Amino acid sequence: AGVDPASAAAFLREACVHDGIRFVGLMGVADPDGDAH
């Protein structure tokens, strides 16, 4: 799940035209079989 990193800026620009919301950070779920760092 999640937006593609290259699309994140465009997603935020579109989303932030709305009142009543505030993006306070990012989240992601790392591949448990790979290096999360």
PDB file of all heavy atoms in Angstrom:
ATOM      1  N   ALA A   1       0.842  -1.182   0.000  1.00  0.00           N
ATOM      2  CA  ALA A   1       0.000   0.000   0.000  1.00  0.00           C
ATOM      3  C   ALA A   1       0.885   1.241   0.000  1.00  0.00           C
ATOM      4  O   ALA A   1       2.054   1.188   0.353  1.00  0.00           O
ATOM      5  CB  ALA A   1      -0.912  -0.010   1.226  1.00  0.00           C
ATOM      6  N   GLY A   2       0.306   2.332  -0.410  1.00  0.00           N
ATOM      7  CA  GLY A   2       1.047   3.590  -0.365  1.00  0.00           C
ATOM      8  C   GLY A   2       1.229   4.205  -1.732  1.00  0.00           C
ATOM      9  O   GLY A   2       1.143   3.529  -2.752  1.00  0.00           O
ATOM     10  N   VAL A   3       1.492   5.501  -1.733  1.00  0.00           N
ATOM     11  CA  VAL A   3       1.755   6.197  -2.988  1.00  0.00           C
ATOM     12  C   VAL A   3       3.200   5.943  -3.398  1.00  0.00           C
ATOM     13  O   VAL A   3       4.078   5.706  -2.558  1.00  0.00           O
ATOM     14  CB  VAL A   3       1.497   7.711  -2.860  1.00  0.00           C
ATOM     15  CG1 VAL A   3       0.065   7.989  -2.455  1.00  0.00           C
ATOM     16  CG2 VAL A   3       2.458   8.359  -1.875  1.00  0.00           C
ATOM     17  N   ASP A   4       3.443   5.988  -4.678  1.00  0.00           N
ATOM     18  CA  ASP A   4       4.809   5.867  -5.178  1.00  0.00           C
ATOM     19  C   ASP A   4       5.612   7.075  -4.709  1.00  0.00           C
ATOM     20  O   ASP A   4       5.110   8.203  -4.713  1.00  0.00           O
ATOM     21  CB  ASP A   4       4.789   5.814  -6.702  1.00  0.00           C
ATOM     22  CG  ASP A   4       6.157   5.536  -7.272  1.00  0.00           C
ATOM     23  OD1 ASP A   4       6.899   6.515  -7.500  1.00  0.00           O
ATOM     24  OD2 ASP A   4       6.489   4.363  -7.487  1.00  0.00           O
ATOM     25  N   PRO A   5       6.858   6.895  -4.265  1.00  0.00           N
ATOM     26  CA  PRO A   5       7.646   8.042  -3.789  1.00  0.00           C
ATOM     27  C   PRO A   5       7.708   9.184  -4.800  1.00  0.00           C
ATOM     28  O   PRO A   5       7.659  10.366  -4.406  1.00  0.00           O
ATOM     29  CB  PRO A   5       9.035   7.435  -3.541  1.00  0.00           C
ATOM     30  CG  PRO A   5       8.762   5.998  -3.243  1.00  0.00           C
ATOM     31  CD  PRO A   5       7.586   5.616  -4.103  1.00  0.00           C
ATOM     32  N   ALA A   6       7.785   8.851  -6.079  1.00  0.00           N
ATOM     33  CA  ALA A   6       7.877   9.896  -7.099  1.00  0.00           C
ATOM     34  C   ALA A   6       6.585  10.684  -7.233  1.00  0.00           C
ATOM     35  O   ALA A   6       6.584  11.794  -7.783  1.00  0.00           O
ATOM     36  CB  ALA A   6       8.243   9.270  -8.444  1.00  0.00           C
ATOM     37  N   SER A   7       5.471  10.128  -6.730  1.00  0.00           N
ATOM     38  CA  SER A   7       4.169  10.788  -6.829  1.00  0.00           C
ATOM     39  C   SER A   7       3.754  11.484  -5.540  1.00  0.00           C
ATOM     40  O   SER A   7       2.688  12.104  -5.489  1.00  0.00           O
ATOM     41  CB  SER A   7       3.093   9.758  -7.213  1.00  0.00           C
ATOM     42  OG  SER A   7       3.421   9.108  -8.420  1.00  0.00           O
ATOM     43  N   ALA A   8       4.580  11.384  -4.508  1.00  0.00           N
ATOM     44  CA  ALA A   8       4.182  11.892  -3.196  1.00  0.00           C
ATOM     45  C   ALA A   8       3.963  13.400  -3.200  1.00  0.00           C
ATOM     46  O   ALA A   8       3.008  13.908  -2.600  1.00  0.00           O
ATOM     47  CB  ALA A   8       5.228  11.512  -2.149  1.00  0.00           C
ATOM     48  N   ALA A   9       4.842  14.140  -3.864  1.00  0.00           N
ATOM     49  CA  ALA A   9       4.700  15.597  -3.891  1.00  0.00           C
ATOM     50  C   ALA A   9       3.407  16.007  -4.575  1.00  0.00           C
ATOM     51  O   ALA A   9       2.667  16.877  -4.083  1.00  0.00           O
ATOM     52  CB  ALA A   9       5.903  16.233  -4.584  1.00  0.00           C
ATOM     53  N   ALA A  10       3.100  15.380  -5.705  1.00  0.00           N
ATOM     54  CA  ALA A  10       1.873  15.697  -6.422  1.00  0.00           C
ATOM     55  C   ALA A  10       0.647  15.329  -5.587  1.00  0.00           C
ATOM     56  O   ALA A  10      -0.357  16.066  -5.572  1.00  0.00           O
ATOM     57  CB  ALA A  10       1.844  14.966  -7.764  1.00  0.00           C
ATOM     58  N   PHE A  11       0.728  14.205  -4.870  1.00  0.00           N
ATOM     59  CA  PHE A  11      -0.385  13.787  -4.014  1.00  0.00           C
ATOM     60  C   PHE A  11      -0.640  14.838  -2.936  1.00  0.00           C
ATOM     61  O   PHE A  11      -1.787  15.224  -2.685  1.00  0.00           O
ATOM     62  CB  PHE A  11      -0.075  12.437  -3.380  1.00  0.00           C
ATOM     63  CG  PHE A  11      -1.201  11.875  -2.552  1.00  0.00           C
ATOM     64  CD1 PHE A  11      -2.110  10.988  -3.107  1.00  0.00           C
ATOM     65  CD2 PHE A  11      -1.352  12.242  -1.227  1.00  0.00           C
ATOM     66  CE1 PHE A  11      -3.154  10.474  -2.343  1.00  0.00           C
ATOM     67  CE2 PHE A  11      -2.391  11.743  -0.461  1.00  0.00           C
ATOM     68  CZ  PHE A  11      -3.296  10.858  -1.017  1.00  0.00           C
ATOM     69  N   LEU A  12       0.424  15.311  -2.302  1.00  0.00           N
ATOM     70  CA  LEU A  12       0.266  16.306  -1.243  1.00  0.00           C
ATOM     71  C   LEU A  12      -0.287  17.619  -1.791  1.00  0.00           C
ATOM     72  O   LEU A  12      -1.137  18.253  -1.154  1.00  0.00           O
ATOM     73  CB  LEU A  12       1.601  16.555  -0.550  1.00  0.00           C
ATOM     74  CG  LEU A  12       2.049  15.510   0.462  1.00  0.00           C
ATOM     75  CD1 LEU A  12       3.446  15.832   0.972  1.00  0.00           C
ATOM     76  CD2 LEU A  12       1.074  15.430   1.633  1.00  0.00           C
ATOM     77  N   ARG A  13       0.194  18.028  -2.939  1.00  0.00           N
ATOM     78  CA  ARG A  13      -0.314  19.278  -3.526  1.00  0.00           C
ATOM     79  C   ARG A  13      -1.815  19.180  -3.779  1.00  0.00           C
ATOM     80  O   ARG A  13      -2.570  20.120  -3.522  1.00  0.00           O
ATOM     81  CB  ARG A  13       0.422  19.589  -4.831  1.00  0.00           C
ATOM     82  CG  ARG A  13       1.870  20.016  -4.655  1.00  0.00           C
ATOM     83  CD  ARG A  13       2.439  20.554  -5.970  1.00  0.00           C
ATOM     84  NE  ARG A  13       3.865  20.838  -5.872  1.00  0.00           N
ATOM     85  CZ  ARG A  13       4.826  20.008  -6.261  1.00  0.00           C
ATOM     86  NH1 ARG A  13       4.500  18.836  -6.806  1.00  0.00           N
ATOM     87  NH2 ARG A  13       6.084  20.345  -6.128  1.00  0.00           N
ATOM     88  N   GLU A  14      -2.235  18.043  -4.283  1.00  0.00           N
ATOM     89  CA  GLU A  14      -3.665  17.848  -4.547  1.00  0.00           C
ATOM     90  C   GLU A  14      -4.455  17.754  -3.249  1.00  0.00           C
ATOM     91  O   GLU A  14      -5.529  18.352  -3.105  1.00  0.00           O
ATOM     92  CB  GLU A  14      -3.861  16.578  -5.373  1.00  0.00           C
ATOM     93  CG  GLU A  14      -5.324  16.245  -5.662  1.00  0.00           C
ATOM     94  CD  GLU A  14      -5.490  14.934  -6.398  1.00  0.00           C
ATOM     95  OE1 GLU A  14      -4.500  14.430  -6.980  1.00  0.00           O
ATOM     96  OE2 GLU A  14      -6.612  14.399  -6.395  1.00  0.00           O
ATOM     97  N   ALA A  15      -3.933  17.008  -2.288  1.00  0.00           N
ATOM     98  CA  ALA A  15      -4.662  16.775  -1.042  1.00  0.00           C
ATOM     99  C   ALA A  15      -4.817  18.045  -0.222  1.00  0.00           C
ATOM    100  O   ALA A  15      -5.849  18.255   0.432  1.00  0.00           O
ATOM    101  CB  ALA A  15      -3.956  15.703  -0.220  1.00  0.00           C
ATOM    102  N   CYS A  16      -3.807  18.893  -0.247  1.00  0.00           N
ATOM    103  CA  CYS A  16      -3.794  20.041   0.659  1.00  0.00           C
ATOM    104  C   CYS A  16      -4.640  21.214   0.185  1.00  0.00           C
ATOM    105  O   CYS A  16      -4.622  22.280   0.805  1.00  0.00           O
ATOM    106  CB  CYS A  16      -2.357  20.465   0.939  1.00  0.00           C
ATOM    107  SG  CYS A  16      -1.509  19.267   1.993  1.00  0.00           S
ATOM    108  N   VAL A  17      -5.404  21.020  -0.887  1.00  0.00           N
ATOM    109  CA  VAL A  17      -6.416  22.018  -1.230  1.00  0.00           C
ATOM    110  C   VAL A  17      -7.607  21.892  -0.282  1.00  0.00           C
ATOM    111  O   VAL A  17      -8.437  22.805  -0.194  1.00  0.00           O
ATOM    112  CB  VAL A  17      -6.884  21.882  -2.699  1.00  0.00           C
ATOM    113  CG1 VAL A  17      -5.705  21.988  -3.646  1.00  0.00           C
ATOM    114  CG2 VAL A  17      -7.636  20.571  -2.936  1.00  0.00           C
ATOM    115  N   HIS A  18      -7.704  20.772   0.423  1.00  0.00           N
ATOM    116  CA  HIS A  18      -8.813  20.543   1.342  1.00  0.00           C
ATOM    117  C   HIS A  18      -8.551  21.214   2.689  1.00  0.00           C
ATOM    118  O   HIS A  18      -7.434  21.187   3.203  1.00  0.00           O
ATOM    119  CB  HIS A  18      -9.004  19.044   1.586  1.00  0.00           C
ATOM    120  CG  HIS A  18      -9.394  18.267   0.378  1.00  0.00           C
ATOM    121  ND1 HIS A  18     -10.652  18.320  -0.177  1.00  0.00           N
ATOM    122  CD2 HIS A  18      -8.682  17.395  -0.395  1.00  0.00           C
ATOM    123  CE1 HIS A  18     -10.707  17.528  -1.230  1.00  0.00           C
ATOM    124  NE2 HIS A  18      -9.533  16.952  -1.386  1.00  0.00           N
ATOM    125  N   ASP A  19      -9.615  21.793   3.250  1.00  0.00           N
ATOM    126  CA  ASP A  19      -9.560  22.238   4.640  1.00  0.00           C
ATOM    127  C   ASP A  19      -9.830  21.035   5.542  1.00  0.00           C
ATOM    128  O   ASP A  19     -10.383  20.020   5.110  1.00  0.00           O
ATOM    129  CB  ASP A  19     -10.620  23.312   4.897  1.00  0.00           C
ATOM    130  CG  ASP A  19     -10.340  24.597   4.121  1.00  0.00           C
ATOM    131  OD1 ASP A  19      -9.148  24.924   3.938  1.00  0.00           O
ATOM    132  OD2 ASP A  19     -11.320  25.240   3.686  1.00  0.00           O
ATOM    133  N   GLY A  20      -9.432  21.165   6.802  1.00  0.00           N
ATOM    134  CA  GLY A  20      -9.772  20.139   7.781  1.00  0.00           C
ATOM    135  C   GLY A  20      -8.805  18.989   7.888  1.00  0.00           C
ATOM    136  O   GLY A  20      -9.052  18.047   8.637  1.00  0.00           O
ATOM    137  N   ILE A  21      -7.698  19.030   7.134  1.00  0.00           N
ATOM    138  CA  ILE A  21      -6.704  17.957   7.236  1.00  0.00           C
ATOM    139  C   ILE A  21      -5.319  18.557   7.389  1.00  0.00           C
ATOM    140  O   ILE A  21      -5.064  19.698   6.984  1.00  0.00           O
ATOM    141  CB  ILE A  21      -6.714  17.030   6.007  1.00  0.00           C
ATOM    142  CG1 ILE A  21      -6.343  17.812   4.740  1.00  0.00           C
ATOM    143  CG2 ILE A  21      -8.049  16.322   5.866  1.00  0.00           C
ATOM    144  CD1 ILE A  21      -5.992  16.935   3.568  1.00  0.00           C
ATOM    145  N   ARG A  22      -4.424  17.779   7.966  1.00  0.00           N
ATOM    146  CA  ARG A  22      -3.034  18.202   8.128  1.00  0.00           C
ATOM    147  C   ARG A  22      -2.153  16.959   8.059  1.00  0.00           C
ATOM    148  O   ARG A  22      -2.272  16.056   8.888  1.00  0.00           O
ATOM    149  CB  ARG A  22      -2.857  18.913   9.467  1.00  0.00           C
ATOM    150  CG  ARG A  22      -1.428  19.337   9.793  1.00  0.00           C
ATOM    151  CD  ARG A  22      -1.423  20.213  11.042  1.00  0.00           C
ATOM    152  NE  ARG A  22      -2.100  19.552  12.166  1.00  0.00           N
ATOM    153  CZ  ARG A  22      -2.698  20.206  13.149  1.00  0.00           C
ATOM    154  NH1 ARG A  22      -2.751  21.521  13.149  1.00  0.00           N
ATOM    155  NH2 ARG A  22      -3.281  19.533  14.149  1.00  0.00           N
ATOM    156  N   PHE A  23      -1.294  16.894   7.051  1.00  0.00           N
ATOM    157  CA  PHE A  23      -0.337  15.796   6.978  1.00  0.00           C
ATOM    158  C   PHE A  23       0.843  16.128   7.897  1.00  0.00           C
ATOM    159  O   PHE A  23       1.523  17.133   7.708  1.00  0.00           O
ATOM    160  CB  PHE A  23       0.141  15.589   5.543  1.00  0.00           C
ATOM    161  CG  PHE A  23      -0.821  14.812   4.702  1.00  0.00           C
ATOM    162  CD1 PHE A  23      -1.750  15.461   3.905  1.00  0.00           C
ATOM    163  CD2 PHE A  23      -0.832  13.423   4.732  1.00  0.00           C
ATOM    164  CE1 PHE A  23      -2.657  14.749   3.140  1.00  0.00           C
ATOM    165  CE2 PHE A  23      -1.736  12.695   3.978  1.00  0.00           C
ATOM    166  CZ  PHE A  23      -2.656  13.362   3.176  1.00  0.00           C
ATOM    167  N   VAL A  24       1.076  15.276   8.882  1.00  0.00           N
ATOM    168  CA  VAL A  24       2.107  15.541   9.882  1.00  0.00           C
ATOM    169  C   VAL A  24       3.318  14.623   9.734  1.00  0.00           C
ATOM    170  O   VAL A  24       4.253  14.703  10.529  1.00  0.00           O
ATOM    171  CB  VAL A  24       1.533  15.421  11.315  1.00  0.00           C
ATOM    172  CG1 VAL A  24       0.449  16.453  11.539  1.00  0.00           C
ATOM    173  CG2 VAL A  24       0.997  14.013  11.581  1.00  0.00           C
ATOM    174  N   GLY A  25       3.311  13.767   8.724  1.00  0.00           N
ATOM    175  CA  GLY A  25       4.461  12.897   8.526  1.00  0.00           C
ATOM    176  C   GLY A  25       4.193  11.838   7.483  1.00  0.00           C
ATOM    177  O   GLY A  25       3.107  11.772   6.894  1.00  0.00           O
ATOM    178  N   LEU A  26       5.222  11.024   7.250  1.00  0.00           N
ATOM    179  CA  LEU A  26       5.139   9.898   6.332  1.00  0.00           C
ATOM    180  C   LEU A  26       5.189   8.594   7.105  1.00  0.00           C
ATOM    181  O   LEU A  26       5.681   8.541   8.231  1.00  0.00           O
ATOM    182  CB  LEU A  26       6.315   9.917   5.347  1.00  0.00           C
ATOM    183  CG  LEU A  26       6.541  11.174   4.518  1.00  0.00           C
ATOM    184  CD1 LEU A  26       7.764  10.983   3.621  1.00  0.00           C
ATOM    185  CD2 LEU A  26       5.311  11.522   3.693  1.00  0.00           C
ATOM    186  N   MET A  27       4.728   7.536   6.493  1.00  0.00           N
ATOM    187  CA  MET A  27       4.881   6.200   7.056  1.00  0.00           C
ATOM    188  C   MET A  27       5.080   5.219   5.909  1.00  0.00           C
ATOM    189  O   MET A  27       4.768   5.506   4.754  1.00  0.00           O
ATOM    190  CB  MET A  27       3.671   5.797   7.895  1.00  0.00           C
ATOM    191  CG  MET A  27       2.395   5.662   7.105  1.00  0.00           C
ATOM    192  SD  MET A  27       1.206   4.508   7.844  1.00  0.00           S
ATOM    193  CE  MET A  27       2.027   2.934   7.570  1.00  0.00           C
ATOM    194  N   GLY A  28       5.648   4.093   6.246  1.00  0.00           N
ATOM    195  CA  GLY A  28       5.831   3.029   5.268  1.00  0.00           C
ATOM    196  C   GLY A  28       6.056   1.727   5.992  1.00  0.00           C
ATOM    197  O   GLY A  28       6.404   1.719   7.184  1.00  0.00           O
ATOM    198  N   VAL A  29       5.854   0.625   5.297  1.00  0.00           N
ATOM    199  CA  VAL A  29       6.082  -0.705   5.852  1.00  0.00           C
ATOM    200  C   VAL A  29       7.220  -1.335   5.065  1.00  0.00           C
ATOM    201  O   VAL A  29       7.116  -1.536   3.852  1.00  0.00           O
ATOM    202  CB  VAL A  29       4.814  -1.577   5.769  1.00  0.00           C
ATOM    203  CG1 VAL A  29       5.076  -2.955   6.368  1.00  0.00           C
ATOM    204  CG2 VAL A  29       3.646  -0.886   6.469  1.00  0.00           C
ATOM    205  N   ALA A  30       8.309  -1.620   5.751  1.00  0.00           N
ATOM    206  CA  ALA A  30       9.499  -2.149   5.078  1.00  0.00           C
ATOM    207  C   ALA A  30       9.331  -3.620   4.733  1.00  0.00           C
ATOM    208  O   ALA A  30       8.558  -4.351   5.360  1.00  0.00           O
ATOM    209  CB  ALA A  30      10.730  -1.968   5.961  1.00  0.00           C
ATOM    210  N   ASP A  31      10.085  -4.052   3.736  1.00  0.00           N
ATOM    211  CA  ASP A  31      10.165  -5.464   3.369  1.00  0.00           C
ATOM    212  C   ASP A  31      10.800  -6.217   4.539  1.00  0.00           C
ATOM    213  O   ASP A  31      11.964  -5.981   4.873  1.00  0.00           O
ATOM    214  CB  ASP A  31      11.029  -5.600   2.112  1.00  0.00           C
ATOM    215  CG  ASP A  31      11.227  -7.041   1.673  1.00  0.00           C
ATOM    216  OD1 ASP A  31      10.797  -7.957   2.398  1.00  0.00           O
ATOM    217  OD2 ASP A  31      11.830  -7.249   0.611  1.00  0.00           O
ATOM    218  N   PRO A  32      10.072  -7.112   5.194  1.00  0.00           N
ATOM    219  CA  PRO A  32      10.628  -7.803   6.356  1.00  0.00           C
ATOM    220  C   PRO A  32      11.776  -8.741   6.018  1.00  0.00           C
ATOM    221  O   PRO A  32      12.539  -9.132   6.904  1.00  0.00           O
ATOM    222  CB  PRO A  32       9.423  -8.567   6.925  1.00  0.00           C
ATOM    223  CG  PRO A  32       8.535  -8.781   5.747  1.00  0.00           C
ATOM    224  CD  PRO A  32       8.695  -7.550   4.893  1.00  0.00           C
ATOM    225  N   ASP A  33      11.913  -9.114   4.752  1.00  0.00           N
ATOM    226  CA  ASP A  33      12.988 -10.017   4.350  1.00  0.00           C
ATOM    227  C   ASP A  33      14.223  -9.278   3.855  1.00  0.00           C
ATOM    228  O   ASP A  33      15.224  -9.901   3.487  1.00  0.00           O
ATOM    229  CB  ASP A  33      12.490 -10.960   3.248  1.00  0.00           C
ATOM    230  CG  ASP A  33      11.379 -11.873   3.745  1.00  0.00           C
ATOM    231  OD1 ASP A  33      11.476 -12.337   4.895  1.00  0.00           O
ATOM    232  OD2 ASP A  33      10.408 -12.082   2.998  1.00  0.00           O
ATOM    233  N   GLY A  34      14.148  -7.950   3.803  1.00  0.00           N
ATOM    234  CA  GLY A  34      15.281  -7.152   3.347  1.00  0.00           C
ATOM    235  C   GLY A  34      15.785  -6.252   4.455  1.00  0.00           C
ATOM    236  O   GLY A  34      15.281  -6.265   5.579  1.00  0.00           O
ATOM    237  N   ASP A  35      16.795  -5.469   4.148  1.00  0.00           N
ATOM    238  CA  ASP A  35      17.362  -4.523   5.108  1.00  0.00           C
ATOM    239  C   ASP A  35      16.445  -3.317   5.193  1.00  0.00           C
ATOM    240  O   ASP A  35      16.241  -2.600   4.207  1.00  0.00           O
ATOM    241  CB  ASP A  35      18.766  -4.110   4.642  1.00  0.00           C
ATOM    242  CG  ASP A  35      19.475  -3.237   5.660  1.00  0.00           C
ATOM    243  OD1 ASP A  35      18.848  -2.848   6.675  1.00  0.00           O
ATOM    244  OD2 ASP A  35      20.668  -2.921   5.444  1.00  0.00           O
ATOM    245  N   ALA A  36      15.881  -3.098   6.368  1.00  0.00           N
ATOM    246  CA  ALA A  36      14.945  -1.989   6.533  1.00  0.00           C
ATOM    247  C   ALA A  36      15.632  -0.634   6.538  1.00  0.00           C
ATOM    248  O   ALA A  36      15.007   0.376   6.200  1.00  0.00           O
ATOM    249  CB  ALA A  36      14.161  -2.166   7.840  1.00  0.00           C
ATOM    250  N   HIS A  37      16.914  -0.587   6.917  1.00  0.00           N
ATOM    251  CA  HIS A  37      17.584   0.703   7.097  1.00  0.00           C
ATOM    252  C   HIS A  37      17.569   1.567   5.839  1.00  0.00           C
ATOM    253  O   HIS A  37      17.188   2.742   5.912  1.00  0.00           O
ATOM    254  CB  HIS A  37      19.014   0.485   7.605  1.00  0.00           C
ATOM    255  CG  HIS A  37      19.073   0.011   9.027  1.00  0.00           C
ATOM    256  ND1 HIS A  37      19.008  -1.320   9.370  1.00  0.00           N
ATOM    257  CD2 HIS A  37      19.172   0.694  10.198  1.00  0.00           C
ATOM    258  CE1 HIS A  37      19.079  -1.448  10.692  1.00  0.00           C
ATOM    259  NE2 HIS A  37      19.171  -0.241  11.213  1.00  0.00           N
TER     260      HIS A  37
END
